[in-house]
Amino acid sequence: MVPRHAIVVGSGLAGLSAASQLLSHRIPVVLLERFPKPGGNSIKASSGINGAPTEYQPVTEPSDAFFSDTVLSAGRAMGTLATYRENLISTLTKNSASAVEWLVKEKGIDLSKVAGLGGHSYARTHRGSGQTPPGFAIVSSLLKNLKADALFELRTSCTVTKVLQGEKRVTGIAYVCEDGKEEALHGPVIFASGGFGGDADGLLAKYRPDLAGYPSTNDPRPGTQPLLAAVGAQLIDMDQVQVHPTGFVDPSNPSVPLKFLAAEVLRGEGGMLLMNGMRFINELDTRENVTNAITSTPPTSNTPKQWNVQLVVDESTYNAAKSHIDFYIFKGLMKKTIISKLEPEALNSIKSYAESASGKTTDPFGRVSFANWALYNPTLESTVYIGNLTPVIHYTMGGVLINERSEVLNDDSAPIEGLWGAGEITGGVHGGNRLGGSSLLECVVFGRIAGDQVAKVIRNELA
């Protein structure tokens, strides 16, 4: 029987991008989501989406800069399967401008504000100029458009239990919803079901037992990579787990293991980091390096395992990231105060930072962009905004290997017919460290590619 619809598993941005692209070809879509509400982790993304070159960037960057930054960030992982990785990175970066344009021009999403994040040689992370965080703005807009299309069907609280496979190809999936009855759907499948950063007792325990006890920004849930491995998918970089340096420690409940991410844009717009009142790192270094600098010191707690880091922003940085900081203040994660309320060493640290930001001195940690920091003459009575932070498990770079057409590859690196992947369930794009802003980008780029590829297959089979 020739399938007349496509199956998308996962309702984060990768799944929504794939579904949107399928509908643009007028291919019916059934999208399954295991949680009661759609949006996945993408809806919580707060820093933005990378794109280059775009009309919104303050400085036009060289054509190969984004590719080079991503390769550099990937690190030693580039030593294996280099051709596949380079092809994926090239696909990601070369399609980044069109991904932003698609969201802006076709979906009507404001992405006009651009910031520089850690590991980036140029400012290229886009978000809106209003109060709505970028992840929520993008996901909610795509969901609204999808739900208005009669060819789209969303089934929530449904968990995929098995990938169905015929003699030569994947033929569909088996799944269970709230009624407990197992059902089957037949057709080409796009898996966009996310990573395993919340799978503490499963895949994390298997591949990264050293991270036991770390808090996480991910809801506790099992990873779905084993479902694809069961039909021959090749797994790659499963031990590459990104520990984000800045998760908020809620003063009202510091021991809760599920943390809220402190958006990297806070540092990108000028924020500084202190431990014991002193700076210790270039705040715009890669996530990996900032995290390592923190975790090289003894933790202040073991249940969960966390450290005591302080984020400090001045009034100008606050105004540049006002929508974020006001939200964090509302949640009780940041507060407005004065420098005298900080640790005694803080004033000297802030004075040194201010001198570098004003151009009077060279920053001893190598930071060259201070964005909006304008508190050049700090005193004990100067206003600042602060939040307490700790490293958190945030993102898993490993998953099923795909190629530049989003096809899931087997152990021989050949495509598994009928199966595509996009987003955090895949591996090979980021290597040992993901650049901030490239998660949403990866979802859009490879989700749209997967949608186009599946539409082509269905049309050919119907012809």
Foldseek 3Di string as FASTA:
>chain_A
DFDQAEEEEAQALLSLLLCVLLVVLPGFYEYEAQAQDHHACLLQAFFAAFAAPEPQFPDHDDLCQQLVLLVVLLPPLCVPPVVQQSQLSCLLHVCRHVLVCCCCVVLPFAFNDWFAAASHPGTGGTHHPDLRGRSNRRSVSSVVVQVVDPSYHYDYSKAWDAFDADPFFTFWTWIAHPVRDIDIDGFFYEYAHAAALQQQVPLCCVQPVVCPLFAAQHHRDGGDQVRVVVVFFDKDQSNQFQWAFFWFQQPVHRLDRHTRGDHRVLVRQAKAKDDLQAGDANSRHARVVSQCSQVVDAFPDVSRGWHWMKIKAAPQSCVSVVSRVVVCVVVRFKDKDFQLVDRPNNVVRVQLSLCCQVVVDPRPRRHNDRNGGDPNPGDRGGMMMMGITTTHGYARQMAGEAGSLQFGAGPVRHGRPSYGYFARNHHSHRNNGDTPNSRSSRSNSNSSSPSVVSSVVSVVVVD
